[in-house]
Amino acid sequence: MNIGFIGLGKMGFPMARRLIEAGNPLVVFDNQREAMDRLAALGAEGASSPRDVADRAETVMASLPSLQASLEVATGKDGVIEGGKVRRFIDLSTVGSHMAARIHGLLAKHDIVQLDSPVSGGVGGAEKGTLAVMVSGPKAEFEAVKPALAVIGKVFFIGEKPGSAQTMKLANNLLSATAMVATSEAVVMGVKSGLDPNVMIDVINSGSGLNTASRDKFPRSVLPRSFDFGFATGLMVKDVRLALEEMRSLGLNMEVAEAVGRLWEVVIREMGPDSDFTSAVQPIEKAAGVVVGSAKGAQAVT
């Protein structure tokens, strides 16, 4: 399948690379020329704009960092919407159901089908091809692109309603965001009382408290104090905000989600949007006067 790919960042680049390695002819575009050159060395063709990609590929995928970026790439000047060859647009970004429906409607006026396809699993999942790939859109179009999407992960058809996959992704990421801050609070409590955080994580992972933060984030990025899991605080906060927006639009009052949202607003304010989202533990540590470290447990903050 001839595929266009727009957005070659931390997630987009490894997904595009896997598509090339699977034998798919690929046309790529990114504002960063270096990323395009690296993929060109693997066999991809570079393009000059999203429109240029859409002039050369019937199927165009995009992995972008914000709602506005997705809207502009899909429907803006020199965007996918102006391409002469494109027939379907697969948005791998997280933009929320309302923006997905908006883009869907605008593209439909130009006979371009949108398949909403946010992914979960982080940079590691993108590298290994183990992402959870959630897709909503016309079933026949989904079946046509499923083999290509299967290259980047396990594919789930969510439904035909525009934006359905976004709702699924937001539910997933709200749980991920909750696990990170809840585990941080639990471990900080233990460290404050003198427990060894390494032992705590081992016990949690052997018991009923096991979650993605205790299983993956703490051993790899929090306990070693590297904070390099590969997902930005700004992106996590964007997803939490979108989840809360989705809940409110449905007339829901979700107390846990609201509390999680408030905690992440503290994290982005204190750590900044470019910090790794595993740094969420640091404002909680600061308030408690301890540091969760892998060496000897609690360390007093001076």
C-alpha atoms as a PDB file:
ATOM      1  CA  MET A   1       0.000   0.000   0.000  1.00  0.00           C
ATOM      2  CA  ASN A   2       1.311   3.452  -0.933  1.00  0.00           C
ATOM      3  CA  ILE A   3       1.103   5.553   2.222  1.00  0.00           C
ATOM      4  CA  GLY A   4       1.762   9.153   3.152  1.00  0.00           C
ATOM      5  CA  PHE A   5       2.918   9.959   6.669  1.00  0.00           C
ATOM      6  CA  ILE A   6       2.906  13.424   8.260  1.00  0.00           C
ATOM      7  CA  GLY A   7       4.525  14.132  11.624  1.00  0.00           C
ATOM      8  CA  LEU A   8       7.815  12.397  12.379  1.00  0.00           C
ATOM      9  CA  GLY A   9       8.268  13.122  16.067  1.00  0.00           C
ATOM     10  CA  LYS A  10       8.896  10.730  18.949  1.00  0.00           C
ATOM     11  CA  MET A  11       5.849   8.636  18.041  1.00  0.00           C
ATOM     12  CA  GLY A  12       5.547   9.302  14.330  1.00  0.00           C
ATOM     13  CA  PHE A  13       9.099   8.449  13.362  1.00  0.00           C
ATOM     14  CA  PRO A  14       9.154   4.870  14.676  1.00  0.00           C
ATOM     15  CA  MET A  15       5.677   4.201  13.280  1.00  0.00           C
ATOM     16  CA  ALA A  16       6.746   5.464   9.862  1.00  0.00           C
ATOM     17  CA  ARG A  17       9.934   3.426  10.049  1.00  0.00           C
ATOM     18  CA  ARG A  18       8.007   0.255  10.781  1.00  0.00           C
ATOM     19  CA  LEU A  19       5.767   0.880   7.772  1.00  0.00           C
ATOM     20  CA  ILE A  20       8.844   1.166   5.548  1.00  0.00           C
ATOM     21  CA  GLU A  21      10.382  -1.968   7.032  1.00  0.00           C
ATOM     22  CA  ALA A  22       7.141  -3.813   6.266  1.00  0.00           C
ATOM     23  CA  GLY A  23       7.572  -2.971   2.583  1.00  0.00           C
ATOM     24  CA  ASN A  24       5.124  -0.082   2.223  1.00  0.00           C
ATOM     25  CA  PRO A  25       6.179   2.718  -0.168  1.00  0.00           C
ATOM     26  CA  LEU A  26       6.114   5.837   2.002  1.00  0.00           C
ATOM     27  CA  VAL A  27       5.925   9.574   1.278  1.00  0.00           C
ATOM     28  CA  VAL A  28       6.750  11.619   4.373  1.00  0.00           C
ATOM     29  CA  PHE A  29       6.593  15.198   5.590  1.00  0.00           C
ATOM     30  CA  ASP A  30       7.702  16.955   8.758  1.00  0.00           C
ATOM     31  CA  ASN A  31       8.807  20.494   9.572  1.00  0.00           C
ATOM     32  CA  GLN A  32      12.085  19.010  10.791  1.00  0.00           C
ATOM     33  CA  ARG A  33      14.139  18.159   7.715  1.00  0.00           C
ATOM     34  CA  GLU A  34      16.449  15.868   9.693  1.00  0.00           C
ATOM     35  CA  ALA A  35      13.648  13.406  10.449  1.00  0.00           C
ATOM     36  CA  MET A  36      12.674  13.308   6.780  1.00  0.00           C
ATOM     37  CA  ASP A  37      16.284  12.713   5.737  1.00  0.00           C
ATOM     38  CA  ARG A  38      16.641   9.813   8.176  1.00  0.00           C
ATOM     39  CA  LEU A  39      13.582   8.111   6.707  1.00  0.00           C
ATOM     40  CA  ALA A  40      14.711   8.891   3.165  1.00  0.00           C
ATOM     41  CA  ALA A  41      17.858   6.925   3.946  1.00  0.00           C
ATOM     42  CA  LEU A  42      15.572   3.961   4.673  1.00  0.00           C
ATOM     43  CA  GLY A  43      13.695   4.340   1.399  1.00  0.00           C
ATOM     44  CA  ALA A  44      10.997   6.940   2.008  1.00  0.00           C
ATOM     45  CA  GLU A  45      10.303   9.840  -0.355  1.00  0.00           C
ATOM     46  CA  GLY A  46      10.283  13.334   1.106  1.00  0.00           C
ATOM     47  CA  ALA A  47       7.465  15.803   0.435  1.00  0.00           C
ATOM     48  CA  SER A  48       7.284  19.591   0.635  1.00  0.00           C
ATOM     49  CA  SER A  49       3.928  19.928   2.453  1.00  0.00           C
ATOM     50  CA  PRO A  50       0.900  17.955   3.662  1.00  0.00           C
ATOM     51  CA  ARG A  51      -0.751  18.780   0.341  1.00  0.00           C
ATOM     52  CA  ASP A  52       2.237  17.339  -1.525  1.00  0.00           C
ATOM     53  CA  VAL A  53       1.871  14.127   0.494  1.00  0.00           C
ATOM     54  CA  ALA A  54      -1.830  14.013  -0.364  1.00  0.00           C
ATOM     55  CA  ASP A  55      -1.035  14.575  -4.041  1.00  0.00           C
ATOM     56  CA  ARG A  56       1.086  11.421  -4.032  1.00  0.00           C
ATOM     57  CA  ALA A  57      -0.669   8.922  -1.709  1.00  0.00           C
ATOM     58  CA  GLU A  58      -4.250   7.680  -1.456  1.00  0.00           C
ATOM     59  CA  THR A  59      -3.845   6.877   2.243  1.00  0.00           C
ATOM     60  CA  VAL A  60      -2.357   9.593   4.448  1.00  0.00           C
ATOM     61  CA  MET A  61      -1.519   9.039   8.117  1.00  0.00           C
ATOM     62  CA  ALA A  62      -0.655  11.778  10.600  1.00  0.00           C
ATOM     63  CA  SER A  63       0.844  11.793  14.093  1.00  0.00           C
ATOM     64  CA  LEU A  64       0.660  15.332  15.492  1.00  0.00           C
ATOM     65  CA  PRO A  65       1.042  16.962  18.918  1.00  0.00           C
ATOM     66  CA  SER A  66      -2.025  19.223  19.166  1.00  0.00           C
ATOM     67  CA  LEU A  67      -5.618  19.726  18.088  1.00  0.00           C
ATOM     68  CA  GLN A  68      -4.686  22.787  16.060  1.00  0.00           C
ATOM     69  CA  ALA A  69      -1.890  20.941  14.271  1.00  0.00           C
ATOM     70  CA  SER A  70      -4.271  18.153  13.261  1.00  0.00           C
ATOM     71  CA  LEU A  71      -6.868  20.638  12.039  1.00  0.00           C
ATOM     72  CA  GLU A  72      -4.354  22.641  10.006  1.00  0.00           C
ATOM     73  CA  VAL A  73      -2.624  19.618   8.495  1.00  0.00           C
ATOM     74  CA  ALA A  74      -5.923  18.012   7.564  1.00  0.00           C
ATOM     75  CA  THR A  75      -7.963  21.003   6.428  1.00  0.00           C
ATOM     76  CA  GLY A  76      -5.762  24.117   6.279  1.00  0.00           C
ATOM     77  CA  LYS A  77      -3.937  25.848   3.444  1.00  0.00           C
ATOM     78  CA  ASP A  78      -1.640  23.359   1.680  1.00  0.00           C
ATOM     79  CA  GLY A  79      -3.258  20.679   3.842  1.00  0.00           C
ATOM     80  CA  VAL A  80      -4.365  17.162   3.070  1.00  0.00           C
ATOM     81  CA  ILE A  81      -7.784  18.457   2.027  1.00  0.00           C
ATOM     82  CA  GLU A  82      -6.214  20.093  -1.050  1.00  0.00           C
ATOM     83  CA  GLY A  83      -4.473  16.935  -2.267  1.00  0.00           C
ATOM     84  CA  GLY A  84      -5.421  15.446  -5.591  1.00  0.00           C
ATOM     85  CA  LYS A  85      -4.836  11.757  -4.874  1.00  0.00           C
ATOM     86  CA  VAL A  86      -5.766  11.250  -1.224  1.00  0.00           C
ATOM     87  CA  ARG A  87      -8.888   9.190  -0.507  1.00  0.00           C
ATOM     88  CA  ARG A  88      -8.543   8.535   3.215  1.00  0.00           C
ATOM     89  CA  PHE A  89      -6.946  10.364   6.145  1.00  0.00           C
ATOM     90  CA  ILE A  90      -5.909   8.371   9.217  1.00  0.00           C
ATOM     91  CA  ASP A  91      -5.296  10.580  12.254  1.00  0.00           C
ATOM     92  CA  LEU A  92      -3.126   8.775  14.790  1.00  0.00           C
ATOM     93  CA  SER A  93      -3.157  11.803  17.095  1.00  0.00           C
ATOM     94  CA  THR A  94      -5.240  12.386  20.224  1.00  0.00           C
ATOM     95  CA  VAL A  95      -7.580  15.298  19.510  1.00  0.00           C
ATOM     96  CA  GLY A  96     -10.837  14.417  21.277  1.00  0.00           C
ATOM     97  CA  SER A  97     -14.117  13.378  19.725  1.00  0.00           C
ATOM     98  CA  HIS A  98     -15.362  16.882  18.960  1.00  0.00           C
ATOM     99  CA  MET A  99     -12.311  17.877  16.903  1.00  0.00           C
ATOM    100  CA  ALA A 100     -12.324  14.474  15.186  1.00  0.00           C
ATOM    101  CA  ALA A 101     -15.946  14.994  14.158  1.00  0.00           C
ATOM    102  CA  ARG A 102     -15.138  18.500  12.924  1.00  0.00           C
ATOM    103  CA  ILE A 103     -12.259  17.293  10.751  1.00  0.00           C
ATOM    104  CA  HIS A 104     -14.393  14.388   9.531  1.00  0.00           C
ATOM    105  CA  GLY A 105     -17.102  16.768   8.351  1.00  0.00           C
ATOM    106  CA  LEU A 106     -14.715  19.101   6.547  1.00  0.00           C
ATOM    107  CA  LEU A 107     -12.902  16.276   4.750  1.00  0.00           C
ATOM    108  CA  ALA A 108     -16.166  14.594   3.769  1.00  0.00           C
ATOM    109  CA  LYS A 109     -17.093  17.659   1.697  1.00  0.00           C
ATOM    110  CA  HIS A 110     -14.058  16.824  -0.464  1.00  0.00           C
ATOM    111  CA  ASP A 111     -14.838  13.090  -0.629  1.00  0.00           C
ATOM    112  CA  ILE A 112     -11.997  12.236   1.749  1.00  0.00           C
ATOM    113  CA  VAL A 113     -12.784   9.638   4.411  1.00  0.00           C
ATOM    114  CA  GLN A 114     -11.386  10.191   7.885  1.00  0.00           C
ATOM    115  CA  LEU A 115     -10.414   7.201   9.995  1.00  0.00           C
ATOM    116  CA  ASP A 116      -9.868   8.287  13.557  1.00  0.00           C
ATOM    117  CA  SER A 117      -7.051   6.158  14.946  1.00  0.00           C
ATOM    118  CA  PRO A 118      -5.385   7.319  18.177  1.00  0.00           C
ATOM    119  CA  VAL A 119      -2.730   5.019  19.612  1.00  0.00           C
ATOM    120  CA  SER A 120      -1.586   4.061  23.107  1.00  0.00           C
ATOM    121  CA  GLY A 121       1.622   2.488  24.320  1.00  0.00           C
ATOM    122  CA  GLY A 122       4.180   5.272  24.218  1.00  0.00           C
ATOM    123  CA  VAL A 123       7.448   5.538  22.362  1.00  0.00           C
ATOM    124  CA  GLY A 124       8.436   2.018  23.400  1.00  0.00           C
ATOM    125  CA  GLY A 125       5.270   0.614  21.874  1.00  0.00           C
ATOM    126  CA  ALA A 126       5.846   2.590  18.690  1.00  0.00           C
ATOM    127  CA  GLU A 127       9.391   1.247  18.443  1.00  0.00           C
ATOM    128  CA  LYS A 128       8.335  -2.367  18.998  1.00  0.00           C
ATOM    129  CA  GLY A 129       5.082  -2.277  17.020  1.00  0.00           C
ATOM    130  CA  THR A 130       3.027  -3.117  20.100  1.00  0.00           C
ATOM    131  CA  LEU A 131       0.761  -0.068  20.288  1.00  0.00           C
ATOM    132  CA  ALA A 132      -2.952  -0.326  20.939  1.00  0.00           C
ATOM    133  CA  VAL A 133      -4.431   1.120  17.745  1.00  0.00           C
ATOM    134  CA  MET A 134      -8.040   2.296  18.161  1.00  0.00           C
ATOM    135  CA  VAL A 135      -9.993   2.985  14.972  1.00  0.00           C
ATOM    136  CA  SER A 136     -13.394   4.489  14.198  1.00  0.00           C
ATOM    137  CA  GLY A 137     -14.845   5.137  10.763  1.00  0.00           C
ATOM    138  CA  PRO A 138     -16.481   3.265   7.885  1.00  0.00           C
ATOM    139  CA  LYS A 139     -15.954  -0.481   8.385  1.00  0.00           C
ATOM    140  CA  ALA A 140     -14.992  -1.109   4.740  1.00  0.00           C
ATOM    141  CA  GLU A 141     -12.287   1.566   4.909  1.00  0.00           C
ATOM    142  CA  PHE A 142     -11.056   0.129   8.185  1.00  0.00           C
ATOM    143  CA  GLU A 143     -10.688  -3.306   6.621  1.00  0.00           C
ATOM    144  CA  ALA A 144      -8.725  -1.793   3.727  1.00  0.00           C
ATOM    145  CA  VAL A 145      -6.097  -0.232   5.992  1.00  0.00           C
ATOM    146  CA  LYS A 146      -6.064  -2.768   8.815  1.00  0.00           C
ATOM    147  CA  PRO A 147      -3.009  -4.664   7.453  1.00  0.00           C
ATOM    148  CA  ALA A 148      -0.973  -1.443   7.439  1.00  0.00           C
ATOM    149  CA  LEU A 149      -2.116  -0.446  10.920  1.00  0.00           C
ATOM    150  CA  ALA A 150      -1.298  -3.943  12.201  1.00  0.00           C
ATOM    151  CA  VAL A 151       2.363  -3.145  11.471  1.00  0.00           C
ATOM    152  CA  ILE A 152       2.370  -0.609  14.302  1.00  0.00           C
ATOM    153  CA  GLY A 153       0.328  -2.514  16.861  1.00  0.00           C
ATOM    154  CA  LYS A 154      -2.776  -4.427  17.865  1.00  0.00           C
ATOM    155  CA  VAL A 155      -5.759  -2.985  16.006  1.00  0.00           C
ATOM    156  CA  PHE A 156      -9.203  -2.486  17.576  1.00  0.00           C
ATOM    157  CA  PHE A 157     -12.284  -1.390  15.626  1.00  0.00           C
ATOM    158  CA  ILE A 158     -14.270   0.839  17.993  1.00  0.00           C
ATOM    159  CA  GLY A 159     -17.206   1.776  15.760  1.00  0.00           C
ATOM    160  CA  GLU A 160     -18.337   3.788  12.754  1.00  0.00           C
ATOM    161  CA  LYS A 161     -19.305   6.978  14.604  1.00  0.00           C
ATOM    162  CA  PRO A 162     -16.723   9.750  14.010  1.00  0.00           C
ATOM    163  CA  GLY A 163     -14.710  10.341  17.171  1.00  0.00           C
ATOM    164  CA  SER A 164     -15.552   7.040  18.879  1.00  0.00           C
ATOM    165  CA  ALA A 165     -11.909   5.971  18.930  1.00  0.00           C
ATOM    166  CA  GLN A 166     -11.001   9.303  20.532  1.00  0.00           C
ATOM    167  CA  THR A 167     -13.442   8.649  23.386  1.00  0.00           C
ATOM    168  CA  MET A 168     -11.835   5.244  23.885  1.00  0.00           C
ATOM    169  CA  LYS A 169      -8.346   6.780  23.901  1.00  0.00           C
ATOM    170  CA  LEU A 170      -9.336   9.444  26.427  1.00  0.00           C
ATOM    171  CA  ALA A 171     -10.781   6.806  28.761  1.00  0.00           C
ATOM    172  CA  ASN A 172      -7.527   4.872  28.502  1.00  0.00           C
ATOM    173  CA  ASN A 173      -5.287   7.875  29.106  1.00  0.00           C
ATOM    174  CA  LEU A 174      -7.363   9.096  32.030  1.00  0.00           C
ATOM    175  CA  LEU A 175      -6.646   5.759  33.692  1.00  0.00           C
ATOM    176  CA  SER A 176      -2.943   6.085  32.847  1.00  0.00           C
ATOM    177  CA  ALA A 177      -2.853   9.625  34.269  1.00  0.00           C
ATOM    178  CA  THR A 178      -4.675   8.465  37.405  1.00  0.00           C
ATOM    179  CA  ALA A 179      -2.287   5.566  37.926  1.00  0.00           C
ATOM    180  CA  MET A 180       0.718   7.880  37.738  1.00  0.00           C
ATOM    181  CA  VAL A 181      -0.414  10.404  40.332  1.00  0.00           C
ATOM    182  CA  ALA A 182      -2.139   7.864  42.599  1.00  0.00           C
ATOM    183  CA  THR A 183       0.947   5.654  42.699  1.00  0.00           C
ATOM    184  CA  SER A 184       3.088   8.728  43.362  1.00  0.00           C
ATOM    185  CA  GLU A 185       0.965   9.670  46.361  1.00  0.00           C
ATOM    186  CA  ALA A 186       0.973   6.121  47.732  1.00  0.00           C
ATOM    187  CA  VAL A 187       4.741   5.694  47.427  1.00  0.00           C
ATOM    188  CA  VAL A 188       5.467   9.155  48.841  1.00  0.00           C
ATOM    189  CA  MET A 189       3.296   8.243  51.842  1.00  0.00           C
ATOM    190  CA  GLY A 190       5.359   5.119  52.408  1.00  0.00           C
ATOM    191  CA  VAL A 191       8.686   6.882  51.957  1.00  0.00           C
ATOM    192  CA  LYS A 192       7.610   9.616  54.378  1.00  0.00           C
ATOM    193  CA  SER A 193       7.023   6.926  57.004  1.00  0.00           C
ATOM    194  CA  GLY A 194      10.423   5.343  56.333  1.00  0.00           C
ATOM    195  CA  LEU A 195       9.618   2.545  53.858  1.00  0.00           C
ATOM    196  CA  ASP A 196      12.022   1.609  51.068  1.00  0.00           C
ATOM    197  CA  PRO A 197      10.397   2.615  47.727  1.00  0.00           C
ATOM    198  CA  ASN A 198      12.033  -0.315  45.947  1.00  0.00           C
ATOM    199  CA  VAL A 199      10.383  -2.757  48.340  1.00  0.00           C
ATOM    200  CA  MET A 200       7.117  -0.865  48.050  1.00  0.00           C
ATOM    201  CA  ILE A 201       7.065  -1.178  44.280  1.00  0.00           C
ATOM    202  CA  ASP A 202       7.933  -4.885  44.480  1.00  0.00           C
ATOM    203  CA  VAL A 203       5.069  -5.486  46.902  1.00  0.00           C
ATOM    204  CA  ILE A 204       2.586  -3.405  44.882  1.00  0.00           C
ATOM    205  CA  ASN A 205       3.534  -5.259  41.713  1.00  0.00           C
ATOM    206  CA  SER A 206       2.959  -8.579  43.462  1.00  0.00           C
ATOM    207  CA  GLY A 207      -0.351  -7.506  44.950  1.00  0.00           C
ATOM    208  CA  SER A 208      -3.679  -5.964  44.060  1.00  0.00           C
ATOM    209  CA  GLY A 209      -2.241  -2.449  43.662  1.00  0.00           C
ATOM    210  CA  LEU A 210      -0.421  -3.370  40.452  1.00  0.00           C
ATOM    211  CA  ASN A 211      -0.898  -0.777  37.692  1.00  0.00           C
ATOM    212  CA  THR A 212       0.974   0.614  34.700  1.00  0.00           C
ATOM    213  CA  ALA A 213       2.770   3.244  36.764  1.00  0.00           C
ATOM    214  CA  SER A 214       4.044   0.765  39.367  1.00  0.00           C
ATOM    215  CA  ARG A 215       4.855  -1.852  36.730  1.00  0.00           C
ATOM    216  CA  ASP A 216       6.585   0.340  34.147  1.00  0.00           C
ATOM    217  CA  LYS A 217       7.057   3.992  35.034  1.00  0.00           C
ATOM    218  CA  PHE A 218       8.423   3.733  38.574  1.00  0.00           C
ATOM    219  CA  PRO A 219      11.053   1.009  37.946  1.00  0.00           C
ATOM    220  CA  ARG A 220      12.264   2.576  34.715  1.00  0.00           C
ATOM    221  CA  SER A 221      12.031   6.320  35.257  1.00  0.00           C
ATOM    222  CA  VAL A 222      11.067   7.321  38.806  1.00  0.00           C
ATOM    223  CA  LEU A 223      13.182   5.174  41.119  1.00  0.00           C
ATOM    224  CA  PRO A 224      16.367   5.771  39.047  1.00  0.00           C
ATOM    225  CA  ARG A 225      15.443   9.491  38.944  1.00  0.00           C
ATOM    226  CA  SER A 226      15.898   9.601  35.163  1.00  0.00           C
ATOM    227  CA  PHE A 227      12.384  10.855  34.323  1.00  0.00           C
ATOM    228  CA  ASP A 228      12.804   9.817  30.706  1.00  0.00           C
ATOM    229  CA  PHE A 229       9.851   7.554  29.935  1.00  0.00           C
ATOM    230  CA  GLY A 230       9.216   9.421  26.698  1.00  0.00           C
ATOM    231  CA  PHE A 231       5.825  11.129  27.085  1.00  0.00           C
ATOM    232  CA  ALA A 232       5.621  14.855  27.811  1.00  0.00           C
ATOM    233  CA  THR A 233       3.669  16.327  30.707  1.00  0.00           C
ATOM    234  CA  GLY A 234       2.067  18.751  28.268  1.00  0.00           C
ATOM    235  CA  LEU A 235       0.650  15.884  26.210  1.00  0.00           C
ATOM    236  CA  MET A 236      -0.701  14.083  29.263  1.00  0.00           C
ATOM    237  CA  VAL A 237      -2.354  17.253  30.535  1.00  0.00           C
ATOM    238  CA  LYS A 238      -3.858  17.827  27.089  1.00  0.00           C
ATOM    239  CA  ASP A 239      -5.389  14.343  27.200  1.00  0.00           C
ATOM    240  CA  VAL A 240      -6.725  14.778  30.745  1.00  0.00           C
ATOM    241  CA  ARG A 241      -8.278  18.105  29.825  1.00  0.00           C
ATOM    242  CA  LEU A 242      -9.890  16.525  26.765  1.00  0.00           C
ATOM    243  CA  ALA A 243     -11.261  13.681  28.889  1.00  0.00           C
ATOM    244  CA  LEU A 244     -12.798  16.148  31.338  1.00  0.00           C
ATOM    245  CA  GLU A 245     -14.252  18.139  28.447  1.00  0.00           C
ATOM    246  CA  GLU A 246     -15.751  14.961  27.014  1.00  0.00           C
ATOM    247  CA  MET A 247     -17.298  14.028  30.366  1.00  0.00           C
ATOM    248  CA  ARG A 248     -18.816  17.479  30.839  1.00  0.00           C
ATOM    249  CA  SER A 249     -20.245  17.471  27.308  1.00  0.00           C
ATOM    250  CA  LEU A 250     -21.998  14.217  28.219  1.00  0.00           C
ATOM    251  CA  GLY A 251     -23.466  15.777  31.359  1.00  0.00           C
ATOM    252  CA  LEU A 252     -21.296  13.681  33.672  1.00  0.00           C
ATOM    253  CA  ASN A 253     -19.883  14.712  37.028  1.00  0.00           C
ATOM    254  CA  MET A 254     -16.806  12.559  37.672  1.00  0.00           C
ATOM    255  CA  GLU A 255     -15.213  13.373  41.018  1.00  0.00           C
ATOM    256  CA  VAL A 256     -12.089  11.203  40.664  1.00  0.00           C
ATOM    257  CA  ALA A 257     -11.395  12.566  37.184  1.00  0.00           C
ATOM    258  CA  GLU A 258     -11.773  16.141  38.423  1.00  0.00           C
ATOM    259  CA  ALA A 259      -9.294  15.484  41.251  1.00  0.00           C
ATOM    260  CA  VAL A 260      -6.840  13.886  38.831  1.00  0.00           C
ATOM    261  CA  GLY A 261      -7.203  16.911  36.555  1.00  0.00           C
ATOM    262  CA  ARG A 262      -6.360  19.291  39.404  1.00  0.00           C
ATOM    263  CA  LEU A 263      -3.242  17.286  40.273  1.00  0.00           C
ATOM    264  CA  TRP A 264      -1.999  17.364  36.678  1.00  0.00           C
ATOM    265  CA  GLU A 265      -2.530  21.126  36.519  1.00  0.00           C
ATOM    266  CA  VAL A 266      -0.146  21.386  39.488  1.00  0.00           C
ATOM    267  CA  VAL A 267       2.367  19.165  37.691  1.00  0.00           C
ATOM    268  CA  ILE A 268       2.371  21.206  34.487  1.00  0.00           C
ATOM    269  CA  ARG A 269       2.598  24.453  36.446  1.00  0.00           C
ATOM    270  CA  GLU A 270       5.571  23.296  38.528  1.00  0.00           C
ATOM    271  CA  MET A 271       7.396  21.005  36.070  1.00  0.00           C
ATOM    272  CA  GLY A 272       6.535  22.579  32.720  1.00  0.00           C
ATOM    273  CA  PRO A 273       4.949  21.064  29.609  1.00  0.00           C
ATOM    274  CA  ASP A 274       8.222  19.704  28.231  1.00  0.00           C
ATOM    275  CA  SER A 275       9.037  17.637  31.321  1.00  0.00           C
ATOM    276  CA  ASP A 276       8.539  13.883  31.214  1.00  0.00           C
ATOM    277  CA  PHE A 277       5.161  12.946  32.661  1.00  0.00           C
ATOM    278  CA  THR A 278       6.832  10.652  35.212  1.00  0.00           C
ATOM    279  CA  SER A 279       8.048  13.852  36.894  1.00  0.00           C
ATOM    280  CA  ALA A 280       4.500  14.084  38.296  1.00  0.00           C
ATOM    281  CA  VAL A 281       5.914  12.561  41.474  1.00  0.00           C
ATOM    282  CA  GLN A 282       8.137  15.574  42.137  1.00  0.00           C
ATOM    283  CA  PRO A 283       5.533  18.147  43.262  1.00  0.00           C
ATOM    284  CA  ILE A 284       4.066  15.455  45.535  1.00  0.00           C
ATOM    285  CA  GLU A 285       7.535  14.744  46.949  1.00  0.00           C
ATOM    286  CA  LYS A 286       8.145  18.445  47.457  1.00  0.00           C
ATOM    287  CA  ALA A 287       4.936  18.894  49.430  1.00  0.00           C
ATOM    288  CA  ALA A 288       5.837  15.889  51.614  1.00  0.00           C
ATOM    289  CA  GLY A 289       9.461  16.881  52.137  1.00  0.00           C
ATOM    290  CA  VAL A 290      10.933  13.624  50.798  1.00  0.00           C
ATOM    291  CA  VAL A 291      12.495  12.290  47.615  1.00  0.00           C
ATOM    292  CA  VAL A 292      11.601   8.873  46.240  1.00  0.00           C
ATOM    293  CA  GLY A 293      14.955   7.396  45.239  1.00  0.00           C
ATOM    294  CA  SER A 294      16.245   3.968  44.396  1.00  0.00           C
ATOM    295  CA  ALA A 295      19.239   3.940  46.691  1.00  0.00           C
ATOM    296  CA  LYS A 296      18.174   4.115  50.339  1.00  0.00           C
ATOM    297  CA  GLY A 297      14.548   5.137  50.403  1.00  0.00           C
ATOM    298  CA  ALA A 298      13.581   8.465  51.855  1.00  0.00           C
ATOM    299  CA  GLN A 299      15.866  11.436  51.648  1.00  0.00           C
ATOM    300  CA  ALA A 300      14.983  14.642  53.397  1.00  0.00           C
ATOM    301  CA  VAL A 301      14.445  17.670  51.210  1.00  0.00           C
ATOM    302  CA  THR A 302      16.553  20.564  52.381  1.00  0.00           C
END
